[in-house]
All heavy atoms as atom14 arrays in JSON, in Angstrom:
{
  "sequence": "GYLLTHKQKYKDLLLKYNIFDQTLVVQYVGKENSQTEYLPPVEFISE",
  "atom14_mask": [
    [1, 1, 1, 1, 0, 0, 0, 0, 0, 0, 0, 0, 0, 0],
    [1, 1, 1, 1, 1, 1, 1, 1, 1, 1, 1, 1, 0, 0],
    [1, 1, 1, 1, 1, 1, 1, 1, 0, 0, 0, 0, 0, 0],
    [1, 1, 1, 1, 1, 1, 1, 1, 0, 0, 0, 0, 0, 0],
    [1, 1, 1, 1, 1, 1, 1, 0, 0, 0, 0, 0, 0, 0],
    [1, 1, 1, 1, 1, 1, 1, 1, 1, 1, 0, 0, 0, 0],
    [1, 1, 1, 1, 1, 1, 1, 1, 1, 0, 0, 0, 0, 0],
    [1, 1, 1, 1, 1, 1, 1, 1, 1, 0, 0, 0, 0, 0],
    [1, 1, 1, 1, 1, 1, 1, 1, 1, 0, 0, 0, 0, 0],
    [1, 1, 1, 1, 1, 1, 1, 1, 1, 1, 1, 1, 0, 0],
    [1, 1, 1, 1, 1, 1, 1, 1, 1, 0, 0, 0, 0, 0],
    [1, 1, 1, 1, 1, 1, 1, 1, 0, 0, 0, 0, 0, 0],
    [1, 1, 1, 1, 1, 1, 1, 1, 0, 0, 0, 0, 0, 0],
    [1, 1, 1, 1, 1, 1, 1, 1, 0, 0, 0, 0, 0, 0],
    [1, 1, 1, 1, 1, 1, 1, 1, 0, 0, 0, 0, 0, 0],
    [1, 1, 1, 1, 1, 1, 1, 1, 1, 0, 0, 0, 0, 0],
    [1, 1, 1, 1, 1, 1, 1, 1, 1, 1, 1, 1, 0, 0],
    [1, 1, 1, 1, 1, 1, 1, 1, 0, 0, 0, 0, 0, 0],
    [1, 1, 1, 1, 1, 1, 1, 1, 0, 0, 0, 0, 0, 0],
    [1, 1, 1, 1, 1, 1, 1, 1, 1, 1, 1, 0, 0, 0],
    [1, 1, 1, 1, 1, 1, 1, 1, 0, 0, 0, 0, 0, 0],
    [1, 1, 1, 1, 1, 1, 1, 1, 1, 0, 0, 0, 0, 0],
    [1, 1, 1, 1, 1, 1, 1, 0, 0, 0, 0, 0, 0, 0],
    [1, 1, 1, 1, 1, 1, 1, 1, 0, 0, 0, 0, 0, 0],
    [1, 1, 1, 1, 1, 1, 1, 0, 0, 0, 0, 0, 0, 0],
    [1, 1, 1, 1, 1, 1, 1, 0, 0, 0, 0, 0, 0, 0],
    [1, 1, 1, 1, 1, 1, 1, 1, 1, 0, 0, 0, 0, 0],
    [1, 1, 1, 1, 1, 1, 1, 1, 1, 1, 1, 1, 0, 0],
    [1, 1, 1, 1, 1, 1, 1, 0, 0, 0, 0, 0, 0, 0],
    [1, 1, 1, 1, 0, 0, 0, 0, 0, 0, 0, 0, 0, 0],
    [1, 1, 1, 1, 1, 1, 1, 1, 1, 0, 0, 0, 0, 0],
    [1, 1, 1, 1, 1, 1, 1, 1, 1, 0, 0, 0, 0, 0],
    [1, 1, 1, 1, 1, 1, 1, 1, 0, 0, 0, 0, 0, 0],
    [1, 1, 1, 1, 1, 1, 0, 0, 0, 0, 0, 0, 0, 0],
    [1, 1, 1, 1, 1, 1, 1, 1, 1, 0, 0, 0, 0, 0],
    [1, 1, 1, 1, 1, 1, 1, 0, 0, 0, 0, 0, 0, 0],
    [1, 1, 1, 1, 1, 1, 1, 1, 1, 0, 0, 0, 0, 0],
    [1, 1, 1, 1, 1, 1, 1, 1, 1, 1, 1, 1, 0, 0],
    [1, 1, 1, 1, 1, 1, 1, 1, 0, 0, 0, 0, 0, 0],
    [1, 1, 1, 1, 1, 1, 1, 0, 0, 0, 0, 0, 0, 0],
    [1, 1, 1, 1, 1, 1, 1, 0, 0, 0, 0, 0, 0, 0],
    [1, 1, 1, 1, 1, 1, 1, 0, 0, 0, 0, 0, 0, 0],
    [1, 1, 1, 1, 1, 1, 1, 1, 1, 0, 0, 0, 0, 0],
    [1, 1, 1, 1, 1, 1, 1, 1, 1, 1, 1, 0, 0, 0],
    [1, 1, 1, 1, 1, 1, 1, 1, 0, 0, 0, 0, 0, 0],
    [1, 1, 1, 1, 1, 1, 0, 0, 0, 0, 0, 0, 0, 0],
    [1, 1, 1, 1, 1, 1, 1, 1, 1, 0, 0, 0, 0, 0]
  ],
  "atom14_positions": [
    [[58.7, 111.6, 183.4], [57.31, 111.87, 183.71], [56.58, 112.48, 182.53], [57.02, 112.35, 181.39], [0.0, 0.0, 0.0], [0.0, 0.0, 0.0], [0.0, 0.0, 0.0], [0.0, 0.0, 0.0], [0.0, 0.0, 0.0], [0.0, 0.0, 0.0], [0.0, 0.0, 0.0], [0.0, 0.0, 0.0], [0.0, 0.0, 0.0], [0.0, 0.0, 0.0]],
    [[55.46, 113.12, 182.8], [54.7, 113.76, 181.72], [54.46, 115.23, 182.04], [54.56, 115.68, 183.19], [53.38, 113.04, 181.47], [52.28, 113.28, 182.49], [51.52, 114.47, 182.46], [51.98, 112.35, 183.46], [50.51, 114.69, 183.39], [50.98, 112.57, 184.39], [50.26, 113.77, 184.35], [49.28, 114.0, 185.27], [0.0, 0.0, 0.0], [0.0, 0.0, 0.0]],
    [[54.12, 115.96, 181.01], [53.87, 117.4, 181.11], [52.6, 117.73, 180.33], [52.44, 117.27, 179.2], [55.06, 118.16, 180.56], [54.89, 119.67, 180.28], [54.66, 120.41, 181.58], [56.13, 120.2, 179.57], [0.0, 0.0, 0.0], [0.0, 0.0, 0.0], [0.0, 0.0, 0.0], [0.0, 0.0, 0.0], [0.0, 0.0, 0.0], [0.0, 0.0, 0.0]],
    [[51.7, 118.5, 180.95], [50.49, 118.93, 180.26], [50.63, 120.43, 180.01], [50.61, 121.25, 180.93], [49.25, 118.65, 181.11], [47.9, 118.92, 180.46], [47.7, 117.99, 179.25], [46.76, 118.69, 181.44], [0.0, 0.0, 0.0], [0.0, 0.0, 0.0], [0.0, 0.0, 0.0], [0.0, 0.0, 0.0], [0.0, 0.0, 0.0], [0.0, 0.0, 0.0]],
    [[50.83, 120.81, 178.75], [50.99, 122.2, 178.38], [50.18, 122.5, 177.14], [50.04, 121.65, 176.25], [52.48, 122.52, 178.13], [52.62, 123.92, 177.8], [53.05, 121.69, 177.02], [0.0, 0.0, 0.0], [0.0, 0.0, 0.0], [0.0, 0.0, 0.0], [0.0, 0.0, 0.0], [0.0, 0.0, 0.0], [0.0, 0.0, 0.0], [0.0, 0.0, 0.0]],
    [[49.6, 123.68, 177.07], [48.7, 124.02, 175.96], [47.6, 122.96, 175.78], [47.21, 122.67, 174.64], [49.49, 124.18, 174.66], [50.4, 125.37, 174.65], [49.98, 126.64, 174.35], [51.73, 125.48, 174.92], [51.01, 127.47, 174.42], [52.07, 126.79, 174.77], [0.0, 0.0, 0.0], [0.0, 0.0, 0.0], [0.0, 0.0, 0.0], [0.0, 0.0, 0.0]],
    [[47.18, 122.34, 176.9], [46.14, 121.31, 176.92], [46.57, 120.06, 176.16], [45.72, 119.25, 175.77], [44.83, 121.86, 176.33], [44.25, 123.02, 177.13], [42.94, 123.49, 176.56], [42.37, 124.65, 177.36], [41.07, 125.12, 176.83], [0.0, 0.0, 0.0], [0.0, 0.0, 0.0], [0.0, 0.0, 0.0], [0.0, 0.0, 0.0], [0.0, 0.0, 0.0]],
    [[47.87, 119.88, 175.97], [48.38, 118.69, 175.32], [49.31, 117.96, 176.28], [50.11, 118.58, 177.01], [49.14, 119.04, 174.04], [48.26, 119.7, 172.97], [49.01, 119.88, 171.69], [49.69, 118.98, 171.23], [48.86, 121.04, 171.08], [0.0, 0.0, 0.0], [0.0, 0.0, 0.0], [0.0, 0.0, 0.0], [0.0, 0.0, 0.0], [0.0, 0.0, 0.0]],
    [[49.19, 116.64, 176.31], [49.97, 115.84, 177.23], [51.14, 115.19, 176.52], [50.97, 114.49, 175.52], [49.06, 114.76, 177.85], [49.7, 113.97, 178.97], [48.67, 113.04, 179.61], [49.23, 112.32, 180.81], [48.22, 111.43, 181.45], [0.0, 0.0, 0.0], [0.0, 0.0, 0.0], [0.0, 0.0, 0.0], [0.0, 0.0, 0.0], [0.0, 0.0, 0.0]],
    [[52.33, 115.41, 177.05], [53.56, 114.83, 176.5], [54.17, 113.88, 177.5], [54.48, 114.28, 178.63], [54.56, 115.93, 176.12], [54.09, 116.83, 175.01], [53.35, 117.98, 175.3], [54.35, 116.54, 173.67], [52.9, 118.82, 174.29], [53.91, 117.36, 172.67], [53.18, 118.5, 172.99], [52.74, 119.33, 171.97], [0.0, 0.0, 0.0], [0.0, 0.0, 0.0]],
    [[54.33, 112.64, 177.1], [54.82, 111.61, 178.01], [56.32, 111.37, 177.82], [56.92, 111.83, 176.87], [54.06, 110.31, 177.77], [52.57, 110.37, 178.06], [51.92, 109.02, 177.82], [50.44, 109.06, 178.14], [49.78, 107.73, 177.92], [0.0, 0.0, 0.0], [0.0, 0.0, 0.0], [0.0, 0.0, 0.0], [0.0, 0.0, 0.0], [0.0, 0.0, 0.0]],
    [[56.85, 110.58, 178.76], [58.25, 110.12, 178.7], [59.23, 111.27, 178.54], [60.19, 111.18, 177.76], [58.41, 109.1, 177.56], [57.56, 107.87, 177.75], [57.36, 107.49, 178.93], [57.12, 107.28, 176.75], [0.0, 0.0, 0.0], [0.0, 0.0, 0.0], [0.0, 0.0, 0.0], [0.0, 0.0, 0.0], [0.0, 0.0, 0.0], [0.0, 0.0, 0.0]],
    [[59.02, 112.34, 179.31], [59.96, 113.45, 179.31], [60.82, 113.38, 180.55], [60.48, 112.74, 181.54], [59.19, 114.78, 179.3], [58.28, 115.06, 178.1], [57.56, 116.39, 178.31], [59.07, 115.08, 176.82], [0.0, 0.0, 0.0], [0.0, 0.0, 0.0], [0.0, 0.0, 0.0], [0.0, 0.0, 0.0], [0.0, 0.0, 0.0], [0.0, 0.0, 0.0]],
    [[61.97, 114.03, 180.51], [62.84, 114.12, 181.66], [62.66, 115.49, 182.3], [62.9, 116.52, 181.66], [64.3, 113.9, 181.23], [64.6, 112.49, 180.7], [66.02, 112.42, 180.15], [64.38, 111.44, 181.77], [0.0, 0.0, 0.0], [0.0, 0.0, 0.0], [0.0, 0.0, 0.0], [0.0, 0.0, 0.0], [0.0, 0.0, 0.0], [0.0, 0.0, 0.0]],
    [[62.25, 115.49, 183.58], [61.81, 116.73, 184.23], [62.54, 116.97, 185.56], [62.91, 116.02, 186.26], [60.3, 116.67, 184.51], [59.38, 116.3, 183.36], [57.95, 116.13, 183.87], [59.43, 117.36, 182.26], [0.0, 0.0, 0.0], [0.0, 0.0, 0.0], [0.0, 0.0, 0.0], [0.0, 0.0, 0.0], [0.0, 0.0, 0.0], [0.0, 0.0, 0.0]],
    [[62.71, 118.24, 185.89], [63.13, 118.67, 187.23], [62.23, 119.82, 187.65], [62.04, 120.76, 186.88], [64.6, 119.13, 187.23], [65.61, 118.01, 187.17], [67.0, 118.42, 187.65], [67.63, 119.47, 186.76], [69.07, 119.67, 187.11], [0.0, 0.0, 0.0], [0.0, 0.0, 0.0], [0.0, 0.0, 0.0], [0.0, 0.0, 0.0], [0.0, 0.0, 0.0]],
    [[61.69, 119.75, 188.88], [60.81, 120.78, 189.38], [61.56, 121.7, 190.34], [62.03, 121.26, 191.39], [59.61, 120.12, 190.08], [58.69, 121.08, 190.8], [58.42, 122.35, 190.32], [58.06, 120.69, 191.98], [57.57, 123.22, 191.0], [57.19, 121.53, 192.65], [56.96, 122.8, 192.16], [56.12, 123.64, 192.84], [0.0, 0.0, 0.0], [0.0, 0.0, 0.0]],
    [[61.68, 122.96, 189.96], [62.34, 123.96, 190.78], [61.3, 124.54, 191.75], [60.48, 125.33, 191.38], [62.93, 125.07, 189.89], [63.75, 126.08, 190.67], [63.43, 126.44, 191.78], [64.84, 126.53, 190.04], [0.0, 0.0, 0.0], [0.0, 0.0, 0.0], [0.0, 0.0, 0.0], [0.0, 0.0, 0.0], [0.0, 0.0, 0.0], [0.0, 0.0, 0.0]],
    [[61.38, 124.08, 193.02], [60.41, 124.51, 194.02], [60.54, 126.01, 194.3], [59.56, 126.73, 194.41], [60.62, 123.74, 195.33], [60.39, 122.24, 195.11], [59.67, 124.24, 196.42], [60.75, 121.41, 196.34], [0.0, 0.0, 0.0], [0.0, 0.0, 0.0], [0.0, 0.0, 0.0], [0.0, 0.0, 0.0], [0.0, 0.0, 0.0], [0.0, 0.0, 0.0]],
    [[61.78, 126.49, 194.42], [62.01, 127.87, 194.82], [61.46, 128.85, 193.78], [60.78, 129.82, 194.12], [63.5, 128.13, 195.02], [63.82, 129.5, 195.5], [63.7, 129.84, 196.82], [64.22, 130.49, 194.61], [63.97, 131.13, 197.28], [64.49, 131.77, 195.03], [64.37, 132.1, 196.37], [0.0, 0.0, 0.0], [0.0, 0.0, 0.0], [0.0, 0.0, 0.0]],
    [[61.74, 128.6, 192.5], [61.31, 129.51, 191.44], [59.97, 129.14, 190.83], [59.45, 129.85, 189.96], [62.36, 129.54, 190.33], [63.63, 130.27, 190.75], [63.53, 131.16, 191.61], [64.7, 129.94, 190.24], [0.0, 0.0, 0.0], [0.0, 0.0, 0.0], [0.0, 0.0, 0.0], [0.0, 0.0, 0.0], [0.0, 0.0, 0.0], [0.0, 0.0, 0.0]],
    [[59.42, 127.99, 191.24], [58.15, 127.53, 190.66], [58.25, 127.39, 189.15], [57.38, 127.85, 188.4], [57.0, 128.46, 191.05], [56.54, 128.32, 192.49], [55.72, 127.06, 192.72], [54.59, 126.93, 192.26], [56.32, 126.1, 193.41], [0.0, 0.0, 0.0], [0.0, 0.0, 0.0], [0.0, 0.0, 0.0], [0.0, 0.0, 0.0], [0.0, 0.0, 0.0]],
    [[59.33, 126.75, 188.69], [59.54, 126.5, 187.28], [59.83, 125.04, 187.04], [60.13, 124.3, 187.98], [60.69, 127.36, 186.72], [61.89, 127.07, 187.47], [60.39, 128.84, 186.81], [0.0, 0.0, 0.0], [0.0, 0.0, 0.0], [0.0, 0.0, 0.0], [0.0, 0.0, 0.0], [0.0, 0.0, 0.0], [0.0, 0.0, 0.0], [0.0, 0.0, 0.0]],
    [[59.73, 124.64, 185.8], [60.01, 123.27, 185.42], [61.13, 123.26, 184.39], [61.12, 124.07, 183.45], [58.75, 122.64, 184.82], [58.7, 121.11, 184.71], [58.71, 120.46, 186.09], [57.46, 120.66, 183.95], [0.0, 0.0, 0.0], [0.0, 0.0, 0.0], [0.0, 0.0, 0.0], [0.0, 0.0, 0.0], [0.0, 0.0, 0.0], [0.0, 0.0, 0.0]],
    [[62.08, 122.37, 184.58], [63.19, 122.21, 183.62], [62.96, 120.92, 182.86], [62.7, 119.87, 183.45], [64.56, 122.17, 184.31], [65.68, 122.17, 183.27], [64.72, 123.34, 185.28], [0.0, 0.0, 0.0], [0.0, 0.0, 0.0], [0.0, 0.0, 0.0], [0.0, 0.0, 0.0], [0.0, 0.0, 0.0], [0.0, 0.0, 0.0], [0.0, 0.0, 0.0]],
    [[63.04, 121.0, 181.55], [62.82, 119.83, 180.69], [64.12, 119.51, 179.93], [64.75, 120.41, 179.37], [61.7, 120.06, 179.68], [61.51, 118.84, 178.78], [60.4, 120.39, 180.39], [0.0, 0.0, 0.0], [0.0, 0.0, 0.0], [0.0, 0.0, 0.0], [0.0, 0.0, 0.0], [0.0, 0.0, 0.0], [0.0, 0.0, 0.0], [0.0, 0.0, 0.0]],
    [[64.49, 118.25, 179.97], [65.61, 117.81, 179.12], [65.01, 117.04, 177.96], [64.44, 115.96, 178.11], [66.56, 116.91, 179.9], [67.78, 116.49, 179.09], [68.69, 115.54, 179.83], [68.44, 114.34, 179.88], [69.74, 116.07, 180.45], [0.0, 0.0, 0.0], [0.0, 0.0, 0.0], [0.0, 0.0, 0.0], [0.0, 0.0, 0.0], [0.0, 0.0, 0.0]],
    [[65.1, 117.64, 176.78], [64.51, 117.05, 175.59], [65.59, 116.34, 174.78], [66.62, 116.94, 174.45], [63.84, 118.12, 174.75], [63.2, 117.61, 173.48], [61.94, 117.03, 173.5], [63.86, 117.73, 172.26], [61.35, 116.57, 172.33], [63.26, 117.26, 171.11], [62.02, 116.69, 171.14], [61.45, 116.25, 169.98], [0.0, 0.0, 0.0], [0.0, 0.0, 0.0]],
    [[65.37, 115.08, 174.48], [66.3, 114.32, 173.67], [65.77, 114.24, 172.24], [64.72, 113.63, 172.0], [66.5, 112.9, 174.25], [67.51, 112.12, 173.41], [66.97, 112.97, 175.7], [0.0, 0.0, 0.0], [0.0, 0.0, 0.0], [0.0, 0.0, 0.0], [0.0, 0.0, 0.0], [0.0, 0.0, 0.0], [0.0, 0.0, 0.0], [0.0, 0.0, 0.0]],
    [[66.47, 114.86, 171.32], [66.03, 114.92, 169.94], [66.69, 113.9, 169.06], [67.26, 112.9, 169.54], [0.0, 0.0, 0.0], [0.0, 0.0, 0.0], [0.0, 0.0, 0.0], [0.0, 0.0, 0.0], [0.0, 0.0, 0.0], [0.0, 0.0, 0.0], [0.0, 0.0, 0.0], [0.0, 0.0, 0.0], [0.0, 0.0, 0.0], [0.0, 0.0, 0.0]],
    [[66.68, 114.15, 167.79], [67.28, 113.22, 166.84], [68.79, 113.16, 167.07], [69.41, 114.12, 167.51], [66.96, 113.62, 165.41], [67.42, 115.02, 165.02], [66.96, 115.35, 163.61], [67.4, 116.74, 163.2], [66.97, 117.08, 161.83], [0.0, 0.0, 0.0], [0.0, 0.0, 0.0], [0.0, 0.0, 0.0], [0.0, 0.0, 0.0], [0.0, 0.0, 0.0]],
    [[69.35, 112.0, 166.76], [70.76, 111.74, 166.96], [71.17, 111.95, 168.43], [72.31, 112.33, 168.73], [71.61, 112.59, 166.03], [71.34, 112.33, 164.53], [72.16, 113.2, 163.63], [72.91, 114.07, 164.15], [72.08, 113.03, 162.4], [0.0, 0.0, 0.0], [0.0, 0.0, 0.0], [0.0, 0.0, 0.0], [0.0, 0.0, 0.0], [0.0, 0.0, 0.0]],
    [[70.19, 111.74, 169.36], [70.41, 111.85, 170.8], [70.88, 113.23, 171.24], [71.54, 113.36, 172.26], [71.39, 110.77, 171.25], [70.81, 109.38, 171.15], [69.63, 109.16, 171.43], [71.65, 108.43, 170.74], [0.0, 0.0, 0.0], [0.0, 0.0, 0.0], [0.0, 0.0, 0.0], [0.0, 0.0, 0.0], [0.0, 0.0, 0.0], [0.0, 0.0, 0.0]],
    [[70.58, 114.26, 170.46], [70.91, 115.61, 170.87], [70.05, 115.99, 172.08], [68.89, 115.6, 172.16], [70.68, 116.6, 169.73], [69.31, 116.58, 169.34], [0.0, 0.0, 0.0], [0.0, 0.0, 0.0], [0.0, 0.0, 0.0], [0.0, 0.0, 0.0], [0.0, 0.0, 0.0], [0.0, 0.0, 0.0], [0.0, 0.0, 0.0], [0.0, 0.0, 0.0]],
    [[70.61, 116.73, 173.02], [69.91, 117.1, 174.24], [69.72, 118.62, 174.33], [70.66, 119.37, 174.06], [70.66, 116.6, 175.47], [70.7, 115.07, 175.59], [71.38, 114.62, 176.86], [71.87, 115.44, 177.64], [71.41, 113.32, 177.08], [0.0, 0.0, 0.0], [0.0, 0.0, 0.0], [0.0, 0.0, 0.0], [0.0, 0.0, 0.0], [0.0, 0.0, 0.0]],
    [[68.53, 118.99, 174.7], [68.21, 120.41, 174.92], [67.58, 120.57, 176.29], [66.64, 119.85, 176.63], [67.22, 120.9, 173.85], [67.77, 120.73, 172.54], [66.9, 122.37, 174.07], [0.0, 0.0, 0.0], [0.0, 0.0, 0.0], [0.0, 0.0, 0.0], [0.0, 0.0, 0.0], [0.0, 0.0, 0.0], [0.0, 0.0, 0.0], [0.0, 0.0, 0.0]],
    [[68.13, 121.47, 177.1], [67.56, 121.75, 178.41], [66.93, 123.15, 178.37], [67.6, 124.12, 178.0], [68.63, 121.7, 179.49], [69.22, 120.3, 179.67], [70.36, 120.29, 180.68], [71.37, 121.0, 180.45], [70.24, 119.57, 181.68], [0.0, 0.0, 0.0], [0.0, 0.0, 0.0], [0.0, 0.0, 0.0], [0.0, 0.0, 0.0], [0.0, 0.0, 0.0]],
    [[65.66, 123.23, 178.76], [64.96, 124.51, 178.64], [63.86, 124.62, 179.69], [63.5, 123.62, 180.36], [64.36, 124.66, 177.23], [63.26, 123.67, 176.95], [61.92, 124.03, 177.06], [63.55, 122.39, 176.54], [60.91, 123.13, 176.79], [62.55, 121.48, 176.27], [61.23, 121.85, 176.4], [60.23, 120.95, 176.14], [0.0, 0.0, 0.0], [0.0, 0.0, 0.0]],
    [[63.36, 125.83, 179.86], [62.28, 126.1, 180.81], [61.03, 126.49, 180.03], [60.95, 127.61, 179.49], [62.66, 127.25, 181.75], [63.72, 126.96, 182.83], [65.12, 126.94, 182.23], [63.65, 128.0, 183.94], [0.0, 0.0, 0.0], [0.0, 0.0, 0.0], [0.0, 0.0, 0.0], [0.0, 0.0, 0.0], [0.0, 0.0, 0.0], [0.0, 0.0, 0.0]],
    [[60.08, 125.6, 179.9], [58.84, 125.94, 179.17], [58.07, 127.02, 179.91], [58.14, 127.11, 181.14], [58.07, 124.61, 179.17], [58.6, 123.84, 180.32], [60.04, 124.22, 180.44], [0.0, 0.0, 0.0], [0.0, 0.0, 0.0], [0.0, 0.0, 0.0], [0.0, 0.0, 0.0], [0.0, 0.0, 0.0], [0.0, 0.0, 0.0], [0.0, 0.0, 0.0]],
    [[57.34, 127.87, 179.2], [56.58, 128.95, 179.85], [55.59, 128.4, 180.88], [54.73, 127.58, 180.57], [55.84, 129.61, 178.69], [56.64, 129.27, 177.48], [57.21, 127.9, 177.74], [0.0, 0.0, 0.0], [0.0, 0.0, 0.0], [0.0, 0.0, 0.0], [0.0, 0.0, 0.0], [0.0, 0.0, 0.0], [0.0, 0.0, 0.0], [0.0, 0.0, 0.0]],
    [[55.73, 128.84, 182.12], [54.93, 128.33, 183.23], [53.45, 128.61, 183.02], [52.59, 127.84, 183.43], [55.41, 128.92, 184.57], [54.52, 128.45, 185.7], [56.84, 128.51, 184.84], [0.0, 0.0, 0.0], [0.0, 0.0, 0.0], [0.0, 0.0, 0.0], [0.0, 0.0, 0.0], [0.0, 0.0, 0.0], [0.0, 0.0, 0.0], [0.0, 0.0, 0.0]],
    [[53.14, 129.74, 182.38], [51.73, 130.13, 182.24], [50.92, 129.15, 181.42], [49.7, 129.11, 181.5], [51.62, 131.53, 181.64], [52.28, 131.7, 180.29], [53.71, 132.22, 180.37], [54.37, 131.94, 181.37], [54.14, 132.89, 179.43], [0.0, 0.0, 0.0], [0.0, 0.0, 0.0], [0.0, 0.0, 0.0], [0.0, 0.0, 0.0], [0.0, 0.0, 0.0]],
    [[51.59, 128.32, 180.61], [50.87, 127.35, 179.78], [50.87, 125.95, 180.38], [50.22, 125.05, 179.85], [51.48, 127.3, 178.38], [51.44, 128.62, 177.66], [52.62, 129.26, 177.25], [50.24, 129.24, 177.41], [52.58, 130.47, 176.59], [50.19, 130.47, 176.76], [51.36, 131.09, 176.35], [0.0, 0.0, 0.0], [0.0, 0.0, 0.0], [0.0, 0.0, 0.0]],
    [[51.59, 125.74, 181.49], [51.64, 124.42, 182.11], [50.51, 124.3, 183.12], [50.38, 125.14, 184.01], [53.0, 124.22, 182.84], [54.15, 124.29, 181.83], [53.01, 122.86, 183.55], [55.52, 124.24, 182.49], [0.0, 0.0, 0.0], [0.0, 0.0, 0.0], [0.0, 0.0, 0.0], [0.0, 0.0, 0.0], [0.0, 0.0, 0.0], [0.0, 0.0, 0.0]],
    [[49.7, 123.26, 182.99], [48.6, 123.06, 183.93], [48.9, 121.95, 184.91], [48.41, 121.97, 186.05], [47.3, 122.76, 183.19], [47.47, 121.7, 182.27], [0.0, 0.0, 0.0], [0.0, 0.0, 0.0], [0.0, 0.0, 0.0], [0.0, 0.0, 0.0], [0.0, 0.0, 0.0], [0.0, 0.0, 0.0], [0.0, 0.0, 0.0], [0.0, 0.0, 0.0]],
    [[49.71, 120.96, 184.53], [50.09, 119.91, 185.46], [51.3, 119.14, 184.93], [51.62, 119.2, 183.74], [48.94, 118.95, 185.74], [48.52, 118.09, 184.55], [47.36, 117.15, 184.89], [46.29, 117.65, 185.29], [47.52, 115.93, 184.76], [0.0, 0.0, 0.0], [0.0, 0.0, 0.0], [0.0, 0.0, 0.0], [0.0, 0.0, 0.0], [0.0, 0.0, 0.0]]
  ]
}
């Protein structure tokens, strides 16, 4: 899906929405297919 954060839209991301904690988990695939799983700051996410 996509993520709008800091008023910038990032497409083709892998996302999981944590309903209980109201957080979003992003799996970012970097160079050489390295994977990073992280929780972007919720205060900057608008949609």
